[in-house]
Each structure stands twice: as C-alpha cells, then as structure tokens.
C-alpha cells in the first residue's frame, strides 16, 4: 500500500514539474523515489518519510542551484529605467505614422517612436528617451545643440 502512495507522489510531482517547468517539484519526485526504494526494502513508514524529507531537502539545496544555472535560459537582465532621460542616436527615421524608428542604447537596438504624435526625427539625430513602454522607447528632442547633433551623427 505504501509503495502505491510513493508511486503516486512521484507521478504527481513529475506532472507538476512538466506543467510548471520551474525546477521545483522534480526534487520531491526524487525524494519520493528514494522513499519508494526504502519501502521496497522493508523500511517502516516513519523511516520512509524521513528519507523522503532528507533526500528532497538535499536535492533542493545542492542540485537546484546547479540545475538552474545550466538548464534555465541565460537571460540578460536589463535596467531599462536607466535609459530614461538619456540621449540615444537614431539609426532609422522615427515616424509614428509609418511605424518606423530604431535607436541604439548601450549597444542594444530598440524600437523607437516619437513621444508626441506628429513629430518626426531623422536617422542620425540624437534624441532623449522620455519613456519606455514594453520594448519601445518614446523619444523627444534632445537638449544637445544642433551642431553637436550633426557631429554625433558622423
């Protein structure tokens, strides 16, 4: 009877892991597997539960950090808030009506749109980031002098 409980727990933890892909419940499936093995060798229910808890904790503490490092996608964390009020160079003309515009900030290309409808900025212009919504920078005219903009575009 106890073996059926451990088998059911292994299946439940595995299914939860498949559904969430969070690398959390799989460790408890490992603990349940260890408890199942102890059950099959005749260990009592209290001992099985202790093995389940001990193996689960060991797996979570020692293997989860390693697994997260190697199995999760390597995401680059960005602090996009830093871009607000910064000057960026446009690499494509910003025209909200045509839906065009790109800017480069710290080596990364962003979709750029004019903060005010009707404004248009030519490629090579230095503009200031007013706001970021999603993955789009909304830009306004920069405080840079016009002669500095022409030199920056070179």
N, C-alpha and C. Protein backbone atom coordinates (compact mmCIF):
# COMPACT_ATOMS: atom_id res chain seq x y z
N UNK A 1 0.81 -1.20 0.00
CA UNK A 1 0.00 0.00 0.00
C UNK A 1 0.86 1.26 0.00
N UNK A 2 1.91 1.27 0.84
CA UNK A 2 2.77 2.44 0.92
C UNK A 2 3.49 2.68 -0.41
N UNK A 3 3.83 1.60 -1.09
CA UNK A 3 4.52 1.73 -2.37
C UNK A 3 3.64 2.46 -3.37
N UNK A 4 2.34 2.19 -3.35
CA UNK A 4 1.41 2.87 -4.26
C UNK A 4 1.37 4.37 -3.98
N UNK A 5 1.42 4.72 -2.70
CA UNK A 5 1.43 6.15 -2.33
C UNK A 5 2.68 6.82 -2.88
N UNK A 6 3.84 6.19 -2.73
CA UNK A 6 5.08 6.80 -3.23
C UNK A 6 5.09 6.89 -4.76
N UNK A 7 4.57 5.87 -5.42
CA UNK A 7 4.48 5.90 -6.88
C UNK A 7 3.56 7.04 -7.33
N UNK A 8 2.43 7.17 -6.64
CA UNK A 8 1.50 8.26 -6.96
C UNK A 8 2.16 9.62 -6.76
N UNK A 9 2.92 9.77 -5.65
CA UNK A 9 3.61 11.04 -5.40
C UNK A 9 4.66 11.33 -6.46
N UNK A 10 5.39 10.32 -6.88
CA UNK A 10 6.39 10.50 -7.94
C UNK A 10 5.70 11.02 -9.20
N UNK A 11 4.58 10.40 -9.57
CA UNK A 11 3.85 10.81 -10.77
C UNK A 11 3.32 12.23 -10.62
N UNK A 12 2.74 12.53 -9.47
CA UNK A 12 2.19 13.88 -9.24
C UNK A 12 3.29 14.93 -9.32
N UNK A 13 4.40 14.70 -8.63
CA UNK A 13 5.50 15.69 -8.66
C UNK A 13 6.06 15.84 -10.07
N UNK A 14 6.17 14.74 -10.81
CA UNK A 14 6.68 14.81 -12.19
C UNK A 14 5.72 15.59 -13.09
N UNK A 15 4.43 15.35 -12.94
CA UNK A 15 3.44 16.06 -13.76
C UNK A 15 3.45 17.55 -13.43
N UNK A 16 3.51 17.87 -12.15
CA UNK A 16 3.57 19.29 -11.76
C UNK A 16 4.82 19.94 -12.35
N UNK A 17 5.92 19.24 -12.34
CA UNK A 17 7.16 19.80 -12.91
C UNK A 17 7.02 20.01 -14.41
N UNK A 18 6.41 19.08 -15.09
CA UNK A 18 6.21 19.22 -16.54
C UNK A 18 5.32 20.41 -16.84
N UNK A 19 4.29 20.60 -16.03
CA UNK A 19 3.36 21.70 -16.26
C UNK A 19 3.94 23.07 -15.92
N UNK A 20 4.80 23.13 -14.89
CA UNK A 20 5.32 24.43 -14.46
C UNK A 20 6.71 24.73 -14.98
N UNK A 21 7.50 23.74 -15.24
CA UNK A 21 8.89 23.87 -15.69
C UNK A 21 9.64 24.86 -14.80
N UNK A 22 9.43 24.75 -13.48
CA UNK A 22 10.07 25.68 -12.56
C UNK A 22 11.24 25.08 -11.81
N UNK A 23 11.59 23.84 -12.10
CA UNK A 23 12.65 23.13 -11.39
C UNK A 23 12.43 23.19 -9.88
N UNK A 24 11.20 22.90 -9.45
CA UNK A 24 10.93 22.88 -8.02
C UNK A 24 10.41 21.53 -7.56
N UNK A 25 9.39 21.00 -8.21
CA UNK A 25 8.79 19.77 -7.71
C UNK A 25 9.55 18.51 -8.12
N UNK A 26 10.44 18.60 -9.08
CA UNK A 26 11.17 17.41 -9.52
C UNK A 26 12.04 16.86 -8.39
N UNK A 27 12.51 17.73 -7.51
CA UNK A 27 13.36 17.29 -6.40
C UNK A 27 12.56 16.44 -5.41
N UNK A 28 11.28 16.78 -5.26
CA UNK A 28 10.43 15.99 -4.37
C UNK A 28 10.09 14.64 -5.01
N UNK A 29 10.06 14.59 -6.33
CA UNK A 29 9.89 13.30 -7.00
C UNK A 29 11.10 12.42 -6.71
N UNK A 30 12.28 13.01 -6.66
CA UNK A 30 13.48 12.25 -6.30
C UNK A 30 13.42 11.74 -4.87
N UNK A 31 12.90 12.58 -3.96
CA UNK A 31 12.73 12.15 -2.58
C UNK A 31 11.73 11.02 -2.47
N UNK A 32 10.64 11.12 -3.24
CA UNK A 32 9.62 10.06 -3.23
C UNK A 32 10.19 8.76 -3.80
N UNK A 33 11.05 8.88 -4.81
CA UNK A 33 11.69 7.69 -5.38
C UNK A 33 12.58 7.01 -4.34
N UNK A 34 13.35 7.80 -3.60
CA UNK A 34 14.21 7.24 -2.54
C UNK A 34 13.35 6.56 -1.47
N UNK A 35 12.22 7.19 -1.11
CA UNK A 35 11.32 6.59 -0.11
C UNK A 35 10.71 5.30 -0.64
N UNK A 36 10.38 5.28 -1.94
CA UNK A 36 9.84 4.05 -2.56
C UNK A 36 10.85 2.91 -2.48
N UNK A 37 12.10 3.22 -2.76
CA UNK A 37 13.15 2.19 -2.68
C UNK A 37 13.26 1.67 -1.25
N UNK A 38 13.21 2.59 -0.27
CA UNK A 38 13.26 2.17 1.14
C UNK A 38 12.05 1.31 1.49
N UNK A 39 10.89 1.65 0.94
CA UNK A 39 9.67 0.88 1.17
C UNK A 39 9.83 -0.54 0.63
N UNK A 40 10.39 -0.64 -0.57
CA UNK A 40 10.57 -1.95 -1.19
C UNK A 40 11.57 -2.82 -0.42
N UNK A 41 12.48 -2.18 0.34
CA UNK A 41 13.44 -2.94 1.15
C UNK A 41 12.92 -3.17 2.58
N UNK A 42 11.66 -2.80 2.84
CA UNK A 42 11.04 -3.14 4.11
C UNK A 42 11.14 -2.09 5.20
N UNK A 43 11.57 -0.91 4.92
CA UNK A 43 11.65 0.13 5.95
C UNK A 43 10.23 0.57 6.32
N UNK A 44 10.04 0.96 7.56
CA UNK A 44 8.73 1.38 8.05
C UNK A 44 8.33 2.75 7.52
N UNK A 45 7.06 3.11 7.70
CA UNK A 45 6.54 4.38 7.17
C UNK A 45 7.25 5.62 7.71
N UNK A 46 7.60 5.62 8.99
CA UNK A 46 8.29 6.78 9.57
C UNK A 46 9.67 6.94 8.92
N UNK A 47 10.38 5.86 8.77
CA UNK A 47 11.70 5.89 8.12
C UNK A 47 11.59 6.34 6.68
N UNK A 48 10.57 5.87 5.98
CA UNK A 48 10.35 6.28 4.59
C UNK A 48 10.13 7.79 4.51
N UNK A 49 9.31 8.30 5.43
CA UNK A 49 9.02 9.73 5.42
C UNK A 49 10.28 10.53 5.71
N UNK A 50 11.10 10.07 6.65
CA UNK A 50 12.36 10.76 6.97
C UNK A 50 13.28 10.75 5.75
N UNK A 51 13.37 9.62 5.06
CA UNK A 51 14.19 9.53 3.85
C UNK A 51 13.65 10.48 2.78
N UNK A 52 12.33 10.51 2.61
CA UNK A 52 11.70 11.41 1.64
C UNK A 52 12.09 12.87 1.92
N UNK A 53 11.93 13.30 3.16
CA UNK A 53 12.24 14.69 3.53
C UNK A 53 13.73 14.97 3.35
N UNK A 54 14.58 14.06 3.85
CA UNK A 54 16.03 14.28 3.79
C UNK A 54 16.52 14.35 2.34
N UNK A 55 16.11 13.41 1.52
CA UNK A 55 16.56 13.40 0.12
C UNK A 55 16.03 14.62 -0.63
N UNK A 56 14.78 14.98 -0.38
CA UNK A 56 14.21 16.16 -1.04
C UNK A 56 14.97 17.42 -0.68
N UNK A 57 15.26 17.60 0.61
CA UNK A 57 15.99 18.80 1.06
C UNK A 57 17.39 18.82 0.46
N UNK A 58 18.06 17.68 0.47
CA UNK A 58 19.41 17.61 -0.10
C UNK A 58 19.38 17.96 -1.59
N UNK A 59 18.43 17.40 -2.32
CA UNK A 59 18.33 17.69 -3.75
C UNK A 59 18.04 19.17 -4.01
N UNK A 60 17.11 19.73 -3.23
CA UNK A 60 16.77 21.15 -3.42
C UNK A 60 17.98 22.03 -3.10
N UNK A 61 18.63 21.77 -1.99
CA UNK A 61 19.73 22.64 -1.55
C UNK A 61 20.99 22.52 -2.41
N UNK A 62 21.31 21.32 -2.85
CA UNK A 62 22.59 21.13 -3.50
C UNK A 62 22.55 21.01 -5.02
N UNK A 63 21.42 20.55 -5.57
CA UNK A 63 21.41 20.40 -7.02
C UNK A 63 20.57 21.44 -7.74
N UNK A 64 19.59 22.04 -7.06
CA UNK A 64 18.74 23.02 -7.74
C UNK A 64 19.54 24.23 -8.23
N UNK A 65 20.44 24.83 -7.42
CA UNK A 65 21.21 25.97 -7.94
C UNK A 65 22.02 25.61 -9.19
N UNK A 66 22.62 24.43 -9.18
CA UNK A 66 23.40 23.99 -10.34
C UNK A 66 22.48 23.81 -11.55
N UNK A 67 21.34 23.17 -11.33
CA UNK A 67 20.41 22.92 -12.43
C UNK A 67 19.87 24.22 -13.00
N UNK A 68 19.54 25.18 -12.15
CA UNK A 68 19.05 26.46 -12.64
C UNK A 68 20.10 27.16 -13.49
N UNK A 69 21.34 27.04 -13.09
CA UNK A 69 22.43 27.68 -13.83
C UNK A 69 22.60 27.10 -15.22
N UNK A 70 22.44 25.79 -15.34
CA UNK A 70 22.72 25.14 -16.62
C UNK A 70 21.50 24.84 -17.48
N UNK A 71 20.32 24.78 -16.88
CA UNK A 71 19.14 24.41 -17.66
C UNK A 71 18.20 25.56 -17.96
N UNK A 72 18.26 26.60 -17.20
CA UNK A 72 17.41 27.76 -17.48
C UNK A 72 18.08 28.59 -18.57
N UNK A 73 17.29 29.27 -19.40
CA UNK A 73 17.90 30.12 -20.42
C UNK A 73 18.68 31.24 -19.78
N UNK A 74 19.79 31.59 -20.40
CA UNK A 74 20.63 32.67 -19.88
C UNK A 74 20.04 33.99 -20.32
N UNK A 75 19.29 34.60 -19.41
CA UNK A 75 18.64 35.86 -19.71
C UNK A 75 19.53 37.02 -19.27
N UNK A 76 19.57 38.04 -20.11
CA UNK A 76 20.32 39.23 -19.76
C UNK A 76 19.38 40.17 -19.04
N UNK A 77 19.73 40.48 -17.81
CA UNK A 77 18.91 41.39 -17.06
C UNK A 77 19.21 42.81 -17.53
N UNK A 78 18.16 43.57 -17.75
CA UNK A 78 18.34 44.95 -18.18
C UNK A 78 17.71 45.88 -17.17
N UNK A 79 18.32 47.00 -17.01
CA UNK A 79 17.77 48.05 -16.16
C UNK A 79 17.33 49.17 -17.09
N UNK A 80 16.21 48.93 -17.76
CA UNK A 80 15.77 49.88 -18.78
C UNK A 80 15.43 51.24 -18.18
N UNK A 81 15.17 51.28 -16.87
CA UNK A 81 14.88 52.57 -16.25
C UNK A 81 16.05 53.54 -16.40
N UNK A 82 17.26 52.99 -16.50
CA UNK A 82 18.45 53.84 -16.66
C UNK A 82 18.42 54.60 -17.97
N UNK A 83 17.70 54.11 -18.96
CA UNK A 83 17.68 54.75 -20.27
C UNK A 83 16.84 56.02 -20.28
N UNK A 84 15.92 56.15 -19.35
CA UNK A 84 15.05 57.33 -19.32
C UNK A 84 15.89 58.57 -19.03
N UNK A 85 15.65 59.60 -19.82
CA UNK A 85 16.37 60.89 -19.79
C UNK A 85 17.79 60.79 -20.35
N UNK A 86 18.13 59.68 -20.96
CA UNK A 86 19.43 59.54 -21.62
C UNK A 86 19.29 59.90 -23.09
N UNK A 87 20.39 60.33 -23.69
CA UNK A 87 20.42 60.63 -25.12
C UNK A 87 20.76 59.35 -25.88
N UNK A 88 20.07 59.14 -26.99
CA UNK A 88 20.32 57.99 -27.85
C UNK A 88 20.42 58.48 -29.29
N UNK A 89 21.09 57.70 -30.11
CA UNK A 89 21.23 58.04 -31.53
C UNK A 89 20.25 57.18 -32.33
N UNK A 90 19.50 57.82 -33.19
CA UNK A 90 18.55 57.10 -34.03
C UNK A 90 19.28 56.46 -35.20
N UNK A 91 18.98 55.21 -35.46
CA UNK A 91 19.58 54.51 -36.59
C UNK A 91 18.59 54.39 -37.75
N UNK A 92 17.34 54.71 -37.48
CA UNK A 92 16.30 54.71 -38.51
C UNK A 92 15.36 55.87 -38.19
N UNK A 93 14.86 56.52 -39.23
CA UNK A 93 13.96 57.64 -39.05
C UNK A 93 12.74 57.24 -38.22
N UNK A 94 12.44 58.07 -37.21
CA UNK A 94 11.28 57.83 -36.36
C UNK A 94 10.08 58.55 -36.97
N UNK A 95 9.10 57.76 -37.36
CA UNK A 95 7.87 58.29 -37.94
C UNK A 95 6.73 57.42 -37.43
N UNK A 96 5.94 57.96 -36.52
CA UNK A 96 4.85 57.18 -35.91
C UNK A 96 3.81 56.76 -36.94
N UNK A 97 3.54 57.61 -37.93
CA UNK A 97 2.53 57.27 -38.93
C UNK A 97 2.96 56.07 -39.76
N UNK A 98 4.24 56.01 -40.10
CA UNK A 98 4.74 54.87 -40.89
C UNK A 98 5.12 53.69 -40.01
N UNK A 99 5.21 53.92 -38.70
CA UNK A 99 5.59 52.84 -37.78
C UNK A 99 7.05 52.47 -37.88
N UNK A 100 7.91 53.46 -38.14
CA UNK A 100 9.34 53.19 -38.27
C UNK A 100 10.11 53.89 -37.17
N UNK A 101 11.30 53.41 -36.93
CA UNK A 101 12.21 54.05 -36.00
C UNK A 101 12.94 53.06 -35.12
N UNK A 102 14.26 53.22 -35.07
CA UNK A 102 15.09 52.43 -34.16
C UNK A 102 16.15 53.34 -33.57
N UNK A 103 16.58 52.98 -32.37
CA UNK A 103 17.62 53.74 -31.68
C UNK A 103 18.56 52.75 -31.02
N UNK A 104 19.78 53.21 -30.77
CA UNK A 104 20.77 52.37 -30.11
C UNK A 104 21.05 52.96 -28.74
N UNK A 105 20.95 52.10 -27.71
CA UNK A 105 21.27 52.49 -26.34
C UNK A 105 22.17 51.43 -25.75
N UNK A 106 23.39 51.82 -25.38
CA UNK A 106 24.38 50.91 -24.81
C UNK A 106 24.57 49.66 -25.67
N UNK A 107 24.63 49.87 -26.96
CA UNK A 107 24.89 48.77 -27.89
C UNK A 107 23.69 47.91 -28.23
N UNK A 108 22.54 48.21 -27.65
CA UNK A 108 21.34 47.43 -27.95
C UNK A 108 20.38 48.27 -28.78
N UNK A 109 19.83 47.62 -29.80
CA UNK A 109 18.89 48.31 -30.67
C UNK A 109 17.48 48.21 -30.10
N UNK A 110 16.81 49.34 -30.07
CA UNK A 110 15.44 49.44 -29.55
C UNK A 110 14.52 49.98 -30.62
N UNK A 111 13.26 49.59 -30.56
CA UNK A 111 12.24 50.23 -31.37
C UNK A 111 12.02 51.62 -30.78
N UNK A 112 11.95 52.62 -31.64
CA UNK A 112 11.78 53.99 -31.16
C UNK A 112 10.56 54.62 -31.81
N UNK A 113 9.83 55.39 -31.03
CA UNK A 113 8.68 56.15 -31.51
C UNK A 113 8.74 57.53 -30.90
N UNK A 114 8.15 58.49 -31.59
CA UNK A 114 8.09 59.86 -31.07
C UNK A 114 7.10 59.90 -29.91
N UNK A 115 7.46 60.58 -28.85
CA UNK A 115 6.59 60.69 -27.69
C UNK A 115 5.34 61.49 -28.04
N UNK A 116 5.52 62.52 -28.87
CA UNK A 116 4.40 63.35 -29.31
C UNK A 116 4.02 62.95 -30.72
N UNK A 117 2.75 62.64 -30.94
CA UNK A 117 2.31 62.30 -32.28
C UNK A 117 2.56 63.47 -33.22
N UNK A 118 2.93 63.16 -34.43
CA UNK A 118 3.19 64.20 -35.43
C UNK A 118 4.65 64.59 -35.52
N UNK A 119 5.45 64.27 -34.50
CA UNK A 119 6.88 64.57 -34.54
C UNK A 119 7.58 63.52 -35.39
N UNK A 120 8.63 63.95 -36.06
CA UNK A 120 9.41 63.04 -36.91
C UNK A 120 10.87 63.38 -36.69
N UNK A 121 11.69 62.37 -36.50
CA UNK A 121 13.12 62.56 -36.28
C UNK A 121 13.89 61.74 -37.31
N UNK A 122 14.85 62.37 -37.93
CA UNK A 122 15.65 61.70 -38.97
C UNK A 122 16.70 60.78 -38.35
N UNK A 123 17.10 59.76 -39.12
CA UNK A 123 18.17 58.86 -38.70
C UNK A 123 19.44 59.69 -38.47
N UNK A 124 20.20 59.33 -37.44
CA UNK A 124 21.42 60.05 -37.10
C UNK A 124 21.19 61.16 -36.09
N UNK A 125 19.94 61.46 -35.79
CA UNK A 125 19.62 62.51 -34.82
C UNK A 125 19.80 61.97 -33.40
N UNK A 126 20.30 62.84 -32.52
CA UNK A 126 20.41 62.50 -31.12
C UNK A 126 19.11 62.97 -30.45
N UNK A 127 18.43 62.05 -29.78
CA UNK A 127 17.18 62.37 -29.10
C UNK A 127 17.27 61.91 -27.65
N UNK A 128 16.33 62.36 -26.84
CA UNK A 128 16.29 61.99 -25.43
C UNK A 128 15.14 61.01 -25.20
N UNK A 129 15.40 59.98 -24.41
CA UNK A 129 14.37 58.99 -24.08
C UNK A 129 13.46 59.59 -23.02
N UNK A 130 12.19 59.72 -23.35
CA UNK A 130 11.21 60.28 -22.43
C UNK A 130 10.54 59.18 -21.61
N UNK A 131 10.28 58.04 -22.26
CA UNK A 131 9.52 56.97 -21.60
C UNK A 131 9.82 55.65 -22.31
N UNK A 132 9.63 54.57 -21.58
CA UNK A 132 9.75 53.23 -22.18
C UNK A 132 8.47 52.48 -21.84
N UNK A 133 7.84 51.94 -22.89
CA UNK A 133 6.65 51.10 -22.72
C UNK A 133 6.95 49.79 -23.43
N UNK A 134 6.99 48.73 -22.66
CA UNK A 134 7.32 47.43 -23.25
C UNK A 134 8.74 47.43 -23.76
N UNK A 135 8.90 47.22 -25.06
CA UNK A 135 10.24 47.23 -25.66
C UNK A 135 10.41 48.43 -26.60
N UNK A 136 9.62 49.46 -26.37
CA UNK A 136 9.66 50.63 -27.25
C UNK A 136 10.08 51.87 -26.46
N UNK A 137 11.06 52.59 -27.01
CA UNK A 137 11.48 53.87 -26.44
C UNK A 137 10.65 54.98 -27.07
N UNK A 138 10.15 55.87 -26.26
CA UNK A 138 9.45 57.06 -26.74
C UNK A 138 10.38 58.23 -26.54
N UNK A 139 10.70 58.91 -27.63
CA UNK A 139 11.76 59.90 -27.61
C UNK A 139 11.22 61.31 -27.89
N UNK A 140 11.98 62.29 -27.41
CA UNK A 140 11.70 63.70 -27.63
C UNK A 140 13.00 64.36 -28.09
N UNK A 141 12.89 65.62 -28.48
CA UNK A 141 14.09 66.34 -28.89
C UNK A 141 15.08 66.40 -27.75
N UNK A 142 16.35 66.33 -28.09
CA UNK A 142 17.40 66.38 -27.10
C UNK A 142 17.79 67.81 -26.82
N UNK A 143 18.39 68.05 -25.66
CA UNK A 143 18.87 69.38 -25.31
C UNK A 143 20.21 69.67 -25.96
N UNK A 144 20.78 68.69 -26.67
CA UNK A 144 22.06 68.91 -27.34
C UNK A 144 21.91 70.00 -28.40
N UNK A 145 22.92 70.77 -28.57
CA UNK A 145 22.91 71.84 -29.56
C UNK A 145 22.89 71.21 -30.96
N UNK A 146 22.29 71.87 -31.95
CA UNK A 146 22.20 71.31 -33.29
C UNK A 146 23.57 70.94 -33.89
N UNK A 147 24.62 71.75 -33.62
CA UNK A 147 25.93 71.41 -34.20
C UNK A 147 26.49 70.15 -33.55
N UNK A 148 26.14 69.88 -32.29
CA UNK A 148 26.61 68.66 -31.64
C UNK A 148 25.90 67.45 -32.25
N UNK A 149 24.65 67.61 -32.64
CA UNK A 149 23.92 66.50 -33.24
C UNK A 149 24.52 66.13 -34.59
N UNK A 150 24.89 67.12 -35.37
CA UNK A 150 25.46 66.80 -36.68
C UNK A 150 26.81 66.11 -36.53
N UNK A 151 27.60 66.49 -35.49
CA UNK A 151 28.87 65.84 -35.25
C UNK A 151 28.67 64.42 -34.71
N UNK A 152 27.65 64.23 -33.89
CA UNK A 152 27.39 62.91 -33.30
C UNK A 152 26.91 61.93 -34.36
N UNK A 153 26.26 62.41 -35.40
CA UNK A 153 25.75 61.55 -36.44
C UNK A 153 26.84 61.08 -37.39
N UNK A 154 28.02 61.69 -37.32
CA UNK A 154 29.12 61.31 -38.24
C UNK A 154 29.76 60.04 -37.82
